[in-house]
Structure formats: C-alpha cells, structure tokens
Amino acid sequence: MNMFAMMVEKEFKAADKDGSGAIDKNELKDVLNKLSKDLKLAQVTDEDVNNYLVKLDLDKNQEISQKEFGKLFQEMIAAKKKK
C-alpha cells in the first residue's frame, strides 16, 4: 500500500465515527471542515457539503465509501497546491 492510500485509509477511519464503513453527510461535513482547516482553505458551507456528496457518491446511496473518499482527498490536496 502506498503512502497516499495509507493516509486515505487513516483519515477515512477517523471520519467514519460510527464505524459503519461509510461516511454519512454529517461525518462528511466534519471531515471537510477538518481538511479545509488543515490545508488552510476556505471554510466549508452546507452547500459545499451537498455538492461533494452529489459529486463523490458514485453509487448514490447518500454515503461516501473509502474509495469515493480517496477522490475527495485528491481534490482537497489539488486545491491546496493551486492556492
């Protein structure tokens, strides 16, 4: 497992507070706020959370899987690099 995959797995497990194996909307909001703060990006709005949920939830089950979460992580890092 590469360094990025290990980081995604660690952050996913931390974000999945109820241990369900998926991140729900409230957990997504928490993780987006944490990543934004850590990466020194703008504060996340409810609209941002909804947009990310629609964009990342490929199977449309209203939750984010670890694979889907990896895409979020990539986007947040890319946003930091552009800043």
PDB file of N, CA and C in Angstrom:
ATOM      1  N   MET A   1       0.850  -1.174   0.000  1.00  0.00           N
ATOM      2  CA  MET A   1       0.000   0.000   0.000  1.00  0.00           C
ATOM      3  C   MET A   1       0.899   1.242   0.000  1.00  0.00           C
ATOM      4  N   ASN A   2       0.596   2.184  -0.886  1.00  0.00           N
ATOM      5  CA  ASN A   2       1.432   3.381  -0.953  1.00  0.00           C
ATOM      6  C   ASN A   2       1.062   4.384   0.139  1.00  0.00           C
ATOM      7  N   MET A   3       1.868   5.400   0.271  1.00  0.00           N
ATOM      8  CA  MET A   3       1.699   6.394   1.333  1.00  0.00           C
ATOM      9  C   MET A   3       0.345   7.109   1.237  1.00  0.00           C
ATOM     10  N   PHE A   4      -0.053   7.471   0.012  1.00  0.00           N
ATOM     11  CA  PHE A   4      -1.339   8.153  -0.180  1.00  0.00           C
ATOM     12  C   PHE A   4      -2.489   7.254   0.271  1.00  0.00           C
ATOM     13  N   ALA A   5      -2.473   5.987  -0.133  1.00  0.00           N
ATOM     14  CA  ALA A   5      -3.539   5.043   0.228  1.00  0.00           C
ATOM     15  C   ALA A   5      -3.606   4.847   1.745  1.00  0.00           C
ATOM     16  N   MET A   6      -2.455   4.802   2.396  1.00  0.00           N
ATOM     17  CA  MET A   6      -2.439   4.655   3.857  1.00  0.00           C
ATOM     18  C   MET A   6      -3.021   5.897   4.535  1.00  0.00           C
ATOM     19  N   MET A   7      -2.695   7.073   3.994  1.00  0.00           N
ATOM     20  CA  MET A   7      -3.216   8.314   4.542  1.00  0.00           C
ATOM     21  C   MET A   7      -4.740   8.375   4.369  1.00  0.00           C
ATOM     22  N   VAL A   8      -5.232   7.975   3.191  1.00  0.00           N
ATOM     23  CA  VAL A   8      -6.677   7.963   2.942  1.00  0.00           C
ATOM     24  C   VAL A   8      -7.364   7.005   3.911  1.00  0.00           C
ATOM     25  N   GLU A   9      -6.809   5.816   4.073  1.00  0.00           N
ATOM     26  CA  GLU A   9      -7.404   4.834   4.970  1.00  0.00           C
ATOM     27  C   GLU A   9      -7.470   5.362   6.406  1.00  0.00           C
ATOM     28  N   LYS A  10      -6.389   5.961   6.861  1.00  0.00           N
ATOM     29  CA  LYS A  10      -6.336   6.508   8.224  1.00  0.00           C
ATOM     30  C   LYS A  10      -7.384   7.606   8.408  1.00  0.00           C
ATOM     31  N   GLU A  11      -7.445   8.546   7.461  1.00  0.00           N
ATOM     32  CA  GLU A  11      -8.398   9.656   7.562  1.00  0.00           C
ATOM     33  C   GLU A  11      -9.837   9.167   7.424  1.00  0.00           C
ATOM     34  N   PHE A  12     -10.047   8.153   6.566  1.00  0.00           N
ATOM     35  CA  PHE A  12     -11.387   7.599   6.399  1.00  0.00           C
ATOM     36  C   PHE A  12     -11.869   6.979   7.710  1.00  0.00           C
ATOM     37  N   LYS A  13     -11.030   6.183   8.326  1.00  0.00           N
ATOM     38  CA  LYS A  13     -11.411   5.546   9.593  1.00  0.00           C
ATOM     39  C   LYS A  13     -11.687   6.589  10.674  1.00  0.00           C
ATOM     40  N   ALA A  14     -10.916   7.651  10.689  1.00  0.00           N
ATOM     41  CA  ALA A  14     -11.149   8.723  11.659  1.00  0.00           C
ATOM     42  C   ALA A  14     -12.468   9.445  11.375  1.00  0.00           C
ATOM     43  N   ALA A  15     -12.793   9.604  10.100  1.00  0.00           N
ATOM     44  CA  ALA A  15     -14.022  10.306   9.712  1.00  0.00           C
ATOM     45  C   ALA A  15     -15.268   9.459   9.941  1.00  0.00           C
ATOM     46  N   ASP A  16     -15.132   8.147   9.823  1.00  0.00           N
ATOM     47  CA  ASP A  16     -16.252   7.214   9.996  1.00  0.00           C
ATOM     48  C   ASP A  16     -16.482   6.986  11.486  1.00  0.00           C
ATOM     49  N   LYS A  17     -17.026   7.991  12.134  1.00  0.00           N
ATOM     50  CA  LYS A  17     -17.138   7.993  13.594  1.00  0.00           C
ATOM     51  C   LYS A  17     -18.026   6.883  14.145  1.00  0.00           C
ATOM     52  N   ASP A  18     -19.038   6.462  13.378  1.00  0.00           N
ATOM     53  CA  ASP A  18     -19.923   5.410  13.875  1.00  0.00           C
ATOM     54  C   ASP A  18     -19.470   4.008  13.471  1.00  0.00           C
ATOM     55  N   GLY A  19     -18.345   3.918  12.731  1.00  0.00           N
ATOM     56  CA  GLY A  19     -17.790   2.627  12.347  1.00  0.00           C
ATOM     57  C   GLY A  19     -18.630   1.844  11.354  1.00  0.00           C
ATOM     58  N   SER A  20     -19.467   2.538  10.594  1.00  0.00           N
ATOM     59  CA  SER A  20     -20.375   1.869   9.656  1.00  0.00           C
ATOM     60  C   SER A  20     -19.684   1.402   8.375  1.00  0.00           C
ATOM     61  N   GLY A  21     -18.470   1.889   8.131  1.00  0.00           N
ATOM     62  CA  GLY A  21     -17.776   1.553   6.894  1.00  0.00           C
ATOM     63  C   GLY A  21     -18.084   2.529   5.776  1.00  0.00           C
ATOM     64  N   ALA A  22     -18.818   3.587   6.100  1.00  0.00           N
ATOM     65  CA  ALA A  22     -19.154   4.642   5.131  1.00  0.00           C
ATOM     66  C   ALA A  22     -19.262   5.962   5.888  1.00  0.00           C
ATOM     67  N   ILE A  23     -19.114   7.050   5.164  1.00  0.00           N
ATOM     68  CA  ILE A  23     -19.202   8.382   5.747  1.00  0.00           C
ATOM     69  C   ILE A  23     -20.534   8.988   5.341  1.00  0.00           C
ATOM     70  N   ASP A  24     -21.350   9.346   6.344  1.00  0.00           N
ATOM     71  CA  ASP A  24     -22.635   9.974   6.042  1.00  0.00           C
ATOM     72  C   ASP A  24     -22.444  11.487   5.896  1.00  0.00           C
ATOM     73  N   LYS A  25     -23.527  12.187   5.636  1.00  0.00           N
ATOM     74  CA  LYS A  25     -23.449  13.626   5.373  1.00  0.00           C
ATOM     75  C   LYS A  25     -22.847  14.402   6.542  1.00  0.00           C
ATOM     76  N   ASN A  26     -23.236  14.074   7.769  1.00  0.00           N
ATOM     77  CA  ASN A  26     -22.689  14.789   8.938  1.00  0.00           C
ATOM     78  C   ASN A  26     -21.206  14.506   9.115  1.00  0.00           C
ATOM     79  N   GLU A  27     -20.802  13.265   8.912  1.00  0.00           N
ATOM     80  CA  GLU A  27     -19.386  12.917   9.005  1.00  0.00           C
ATOM     81  C   GLU A  27     -18.603  13.590   7.875  1.00  0.00           C
ATOM     82  N   LEU A  28     -19.219  13.678   6.702  1.00  0.00           N
ATOM     83  CA  LEU A  28     -18.568  14.349   5.569  1.00  0.00           C
ATOM     84  C   LEU A  28     -18.329  15.819   5.890  1.00  0.00           C
ATOM     85  N   LYS A  29     -19.306  16.456   6.486  1.00  0.00           N
ATOM     86  CA  LYS A  29     -19.150  17.869   6.855  1.00  0.00           C
ATOM     87  C   LYS A  29     -17.987  18.044   7.829  1.00  0.00           C
ATOM     88  N   ASP A  30     -17.917  17.160   8.816  1.00  0.00           N
ATOM     89  CA  ASP A  30     -16.825  17.236   9.795  1.00  0.00           C
ATOM     90  C   ASP A  30     -15.462  17.070   9.128  1.00  0.00           C
ATOM     91  N   VAL A  31     -15.357  16.086   8.228  1.00  0.00           N
ATOM     92  CA  VAL A  31     -14.063  15.830   7.594  1.00  0.00           C
ATOM     93  C   VAL A  31     -13.695  16.955   6.622  1.00  0.00           C
ATOM     94  N   LEU A  32     -14.675  17.507   5.918  1.00  0.00           N
ATOM     95  CA  LEU A  32     -14.386  18.631   5.027  1.00  0.00           C
ATOM     96  C   LEU A  32     -13.897  19.839   5.819  1.00  0.00           C
ATOM     97  N   ASN A  33     -14.527  20.096   6.939  1.00  0.00           N
ATOM     98  CA  ASN A  33     -14.078  21.218   7.782  1.00  0.00           C
ATOM     99  C   ASN A  33     -12.667  20.982   8.305  1.00  0.00           C
ATOM    100  N   LYS A  34     -12.371  19.754   8.718  1.00  0.00           N
ATOM    101  CA  LYS A  34     -11.033  19.432   9.215  1.00  0.00           C
ATOM    102  C   LYS A  34      -9.988  19.588   8.110  1.00  0.00           C
ATOM    103  N   LEU A  35     -10.272  19.021   6.936  1.00  0.00           N
ATOM    104  CA  LEU A  35      -9.320  19.127   5.828  1.00  0.00           C
ATOM    105  C   LEU A  35      -9.120  20.572   5.403  1.00  0.00           C
ATOM    106  N   SER A  36     -10.198  21.333   5.347  1.00  0.00           N
ATOM    107  CA  SER A  36     -10.086  22.749   4.966  1.00  0.00           C
ATOM    108  C   SER A  36      -9.215  23.513   5.944  1.00  0.00           C
ATOM    109  N   LYS A  37      -9.414  23.232   7.217  1.00  0.00           N
ATOM    110  CA  LYS A  37      -8.605  23.902   8.248  1.00  0.00           C
ATOM    111  C   LYS A  37      -7.145  23.470   8.141  1.00  0.00           C
ATOM    112  N   ASP A  38      -6.909  22.155   8.034  1.00  0.00           N
ATOM    113  CA  ASP A  38      -5.542  21.636   7.957  1.00  0.00           C
ATOM    114  C   ASP A  38      -4.804  22.156   6.726  1.00  0.00           C
ATOM    115  N   LEU A  39      -5.525  22.298   5.615  1.00  0.00           N
ATOM    116  CA  LEU A  39      -4.905  22.742   4.358  1.00  0.00           C
ATOM    117  C   LEU A  39      -4.993  24.254   4.171  1.00  0.00           C
ATOM    118  N   LYS A  40      -5.551  24.929   5.194  1.00  0.00           N
ATOM    119  CA  LYS A  40      -5.694  26.389   5.175  1.00  0.00           C
ATOM    120  C   LYS A  40      -6.500  26.868   3.964  1.00  0.00           C
ATOM    121  N   LEU A  41      -7.641  26.177   3.734  1.00  0.00           N
ATOM    122  CA  LEU A  41      -8.572  26.543   2.673  1.00  0.00           C
ATOM    123  C   LEU A  41      -9.778  27.242   3.292  1.00  0.00           C
ATOM    124  N   ALA A  42     -10.665  27.761   2.457  1.00  0.00           N
ATOM    125  CA  ALA A  42     -11.854  28.466   2.937  1.00  0.00           C
ATOM    126  C   ALA A  42     -12.765  27.530   3.734  1.00  0.00           C
ATOM    127  N   GLN A  43     -13.518  28.116   4.659  1.00  0.00           N
ATOM    128  CA  GLN A  43     -14.482  27.360   5.470  1.00  0.00           C
ATOM    129  C   GLN A  43     -15.503  26.681   4.551  1.00  0.00           C
ATOM    130  N   VAL A  44     -15.901  25.498   4.916  1.00  0.00           N
ATOM    131  CA  VAL A  44     -16.841  24.705   4.132  1.00  0.00           C
ATOM    132  C   VAL A  44     -18.272  25.101   4.499  1.00  0.00           C
ATOM    133  N   THR A  45     -19.106  25.309   3.475  1.00  0.00           N
ATOM    134  CA  THR A  45     -20.517  25.640   3.691  1.00  0.00           C
ATOM    135  C   THR A  45     -21.368  24.380   3.540  1.00  0.00           C
ATOM    136  N   ASP A  46     -22.633  24.474   3.951  1.00  0.00           N
ATOM    137  CA  ASP A  46     -23.562  23.354   3.758  1.00  0.00           C
ATOM    138  C   ASP A  46     -23.725  23.047   2.273  1.00  0.00           C
ATOM    139  N   GLU A  47     -23.693  24.079   1.458  1.00  0.00           N
ATOM    140  CA  GLU A  47     -23.783  23.885   0.005  1.00  0.00           C
ATOM    141  C   GLU A  47     -22.577  23.093  -0.504  1.00  0.00           C
ATOM    142  N   ASP A  48     -21.394  23.390   0.024  1.00  0.00           N
ATOM    143  CA  ASP A  48     -20.195  22.630  -0.350  1.00  0.00           C
ATOM    144  C   ASP A  48     -20.363  21.150   0.001  1.00  0.00           C
ATOM    145  N   VAL A  49     -20.874  20.885   1.199  1.00  0.00           N
ATOM    146  CA  VAL A  49     -21.069  19.508   1.640  1.00  0.00           C
ATOM    147  C   VAL A  49     -22.029  18.792   0.694  1.00  0.00           C
ATOM    148  N   ASN A  50     -23.143  19.431   0.370  1.00  0.00           N
ATOM    149  CA  ASN A  50     -24.114  18.835  -0.553  1.00  0.00           C
ATOM    150  C   ASN A  50     -23.495  18.585  -1.923  1.00  0.00           C
ATOM    151  N   ASN A  51     -22.714  19.543  -2.408  1.00  0.00           N
ATOM    152  CA  ASN A  51     -22.067  19.387  -3.719  1.00  0.00           C
ATOM    153  C   ASN A  51     -21.085  18.226  -3.720  1.00  0.00           C
ATOM    154  N   TYR A  52     -20.296  18.113  -2.657  1.00  0.00           N
ATOM    155  CA  TYR A  52     -19.349  16.996  -2.567  1.00  0.00           C
ATOM    156  C   TYR A  52     -20.076  15.665  -2.462  1.00  0.00           C
ATOM    157  N   LEU A  53     -21.166  15.631  -1.711  1.00  0.00           N
ATOM    158  CA  LEU A  53     -21.918  14.388  -1.576  1.00  0.00           C
ATOM    159  C   LEU A  53     -22.448  13.937  -2.937  1.00  0.00           C
ATOM    160  N   VAL A  54     -23.017  14.854  -3.698  1.00  0.00           N
ATOM    161  CA  VAL A  54     -23.532  14.527  -5.035  1.00  0.00           C
ATOM    162  C   VAL A  54     -22.393  14.090  -5.956  1.00  0.00           C
ATOM    163  N   LYS A  55     -21.298  14.816  -5.904  1.00  0.00           N
ATOM    164  CA  LYS A  55     -20.161  14.560  -6.792  1.00  0.00           C
ATOM    165  C   LYS A  55     -19.446  13.244  -6.482  1.00  0.00           C
ATOM    166  N   LEU A  56     -19.274  12.940  -5.203  1.00  0.00           N
ATOM    167  CA  LEU A  56     -18.468  11.787  -4.807  1.00  0.00           C
ATOM    168  C   LEU A  56     -19.262  10.503  -4.639  1.00  0.00           C
ATOM    169  N   ASP A  57     -20.531  10.611  -4.367  1.00  0.00           N
ATOM    170  CA  ASP A  57     -21.364   9.441  -4.084  1.00  0.00           C
ATOM    171  C   ASP A  57     -21.747   8.747  -5.389  1.00  0.00           C
ATOM    172  N   LEU A  58     -20.808   8.001  -5.934  1.00  0.00           N
ATOM    173  CA  LEU A  58     -20.997   7.388  -7.248  1.00  0.00           C
ATOM    174  C   LEU A  58     -22.123   6.366  -7.279  1.00  0.00           C
ATOM    175  N   ASP A  59     -22.345   5.667  -6.173  1.00  0.00           N
ATOM    176  CA  ASP A  59     -23.412   4.666  -6.161  1.00  0.00           C
ATOM    177  C   ASP A  59     -24.738   5.227  -5.649  1.00  0.00           C
ATOM    178  N   LYS A  60     -24.773   6.521  -5.373  1.00  0.00           N
ATOM    179  CA  LYS A  60     -25.986   7.260  -4.990  1.00  0.00           C
ATOM    180  C   LYS A  60     -26.713   6.676  -3.779  1.00  0.00           C
ATOM    181  N   ASN A  61     -25.950   6.236  -2.775  1.00  0.00           N
ATOM    182  CA  ASN A  61     -26.556   5.690  -1.562  1.00  0.00           C
ATOM    183  C   ASN A  61     -26.522   6.680  -0.393  1.00  0.00           C
ATOM    184  N   GLN A  62     -26.191   7.942  -0.681  1.00  0.00           N
ATOM    185  CA  GLN A  62     -26.133   9.018   0.314  1.00  0.00           C
ATOM    186  C   GLN A  62     -25.025   8.839   1.343  1.00  0.00           C
ATOM    187  N   GLU A  63     -24.031   8.017   1.003  1.00  0.00           N
ATOM    188  CA  GLU A  63     -22.861   7.819   1.859  1.00  0.00           C
ATOM    189  C   GLU A  63     -21.619   7.762   0.978  1.00  0.00           C
ATOM    190  N   ILE A  64     -20.473   8.016   1.593  1.00  0.00           N
ATOM    191  CA  ILE A  64     -19.205   8.002   0.877  1.00  0.00           C
ATOM    192  C   ILE A  64     -18.409   6.780   1.324  1.00  0.00           C
ATOM    193  N   SER A  65     -18.041   5.945   0.364  1.00  0.00           N
ATOM    194  CA  SER A  65     -17.208   4.779   0.651  1.00  0.00           C
ATOM    195  C   SER A  65     -15.749   5.221   0.755  1.00  0.00           C
ATOM    196  N   GLN A  66     -14.881   4.308   1.177  1.00  0.00           N
ATOM    197  CA  GLN A  66     -13.460   4.662   1.271  1.00  0.00           C
ATOM    198  C   GLN A  66     -12.897   5.006  -0.101  1.00  0.00           C
ATOM    199  N   LYS A  67     -13.304   4.277  -1.132  1.00  0.00           N
ATOM    200  CA  LYS A  67     -12.836   4.560  -2.495  1.00  0.00           C
ATOM    201  C   LYS A  67     -13.290   5.954  -2.935  1.00  0.00           C
ATOM    202  N   GLU A  68     -14.548   6.269  -2.675  1.00  0.00           N
ATOM    203  CA  GLU A  68     -15.069   7.594  -3.027  1.00  0.00           C
ATOM    204  C   GLU A  68     -14.358   8.674  -2.209  1.00  0.00           C
ATOM    205  N   PHE A  69     -14.042   8.373  -0.971  1.00  0.00           N
ATOM    206  CA  PHE A  69     -13.351   9.311  -0.088  1.00  0.00           C
ATOM    207  C   PHE A  69     -11.963   9.647  -0.626  1.00  0.00           C
ATOM    208  N   GLY A  70     -11.296   8.677  -1.225  1.00  0.00           N
ATOM    209  CA  GLY A  70      -9.973   8.914  -1.805  1.00  0.00           C
ATOM    210  C   GLY A  70      -9.999  10.016  -2.842  1.00  0.00           C
ATOM    211  N   LYS A  71     -11.086  10.084  -3.606  1.00  0.00           N
ATOM    212  CA  LYS A  71     -11.224  11.140  -4.615  1.00  0.00           C
ATOM    213  C   LYS A  71     -11.343  12.508  -3.962  1.00  0.00           C
ATOM    214  N   LEU A  72     -12.072  12.575  -2.853  1.00  0.00           N
ATOM    215  CA  LEU A  72     -12.189  13.828  -2.107  1.00  0.00           C
ATOM    216  C   LEU A  72     -10.815  14.282  -1.635  1.00  0.00           C
ATOM    217  N   PHE A  73     -10.066  13.369  -1.090  1.00  0.00           N
ATOM    218  CA  PHE A  73      -8.734  13.665  -0.579  1.00  0.00           C
ATOM    219  C   PHE A  73      -7.846  14.228  -1.701  1.00  0.00           C
ATOM    220  N   GLN A  74      -7.901  13.608  -2.866  1.00  0.00           N
ATOM    221  CA  GLN A  74      -7.119  14.085  -4.012  1.00  0.00           C
ATOM    222  C   GLN A  74      -7.518  15.507  -4.383  1.00  0.00           C
ATOM    223  N   GLU A  75      -8.817  15.795  -4.391  1.00  0.00           N
ATOM    224  CA  GLU A  75      -9.297  17.135  -4.746  1.00  0.00           C
ATOM    225  C   GLU A  75      -8.844  18.188  -3.746  1.00  0.00           C
ATOM    226  N   MET A  76      -8.901  17.855  -2.473  1.00  0.00           N
ATOM    227  CA  MET A  76      -8.508  18.815  -1.448  1.00  0.00           C
ATOM    228  C   MET A  76      -7.011  19.119  -1.547  1.00  0.00           C
ATOM    229  N   ILE A  77      -6.217  18.114  -1.799  1.00  0.00           N
ATOM    230  CA  ILE A  77      -4.768  18.317  -1.948  1.00  0.00           C
ATOM    231  C   ILE A  77      -4.481  19.148  -3.200  1.00  0.00           C
ATOM    232  N   ALA A  78      -5.191  18.860  -4.282  1.00  0.00           N
ATOM    233  CA  ALA A  78      -5.005  19.624  -5.524  1.00  0.00           C
ATOM    234  C   ALA A  78      -5.398  21.087  -5.307  1.00  0.00           C
ATOM    235  N   ALA A  79      -6.457  21.329  -4.540  1.00  0.00           N
ATOM    236  CA  ALA A  79      -6.888  22.704  -4.254  1.00  0.00           C
ATOM    237  C   ALA A  79      -5.813  23.440  -3.465  1.00  0.00           C
ATOM    238  N   LYS A  80      -5.164  22.752  -2.556  1.00  0.00           N
ATOM    239  CA  LYS A  80      -4.097  23.360  -1.769  1.00  0.00           C
ATOM    240  C   LYS A  80      -2.917  23.739  -2.655  1.00  0.00           C
ATOM    241  N   LYS A  81      -2.587  22.853  -3.605  1.00  0.00           N
ATOM    242  CA  LYS A  81      -1.461  23.135  -4.492  1.00  0.00           C
ATOM    243  C   LYS A  81      -1.721  24.342  -5.382  1.00  0.00           C
ATOM    244  N   LYS A  82      -2.990  24.571  -5.751  1.00  0.00           N
ATOM    245  CA  LYS A  82      -3.346  25.714  -6.603  1.00  0.00           C
ATOM    246  C   LYS A  82      -3.291  27.030  -5.850  1.00  0.00           C
ATOM    247  N   LYS A  83      -3.450  26.950  -4.538  1.00  0.00           N
ATOM    248  CA  LYS A  83      -3.522  28.162  -3.710  1.00  0.00           C
ATOM    249  C   LYS A  83      -2.231  28.913  -3.678  1.00  0.00           C
TER     250      LYS A  83
END
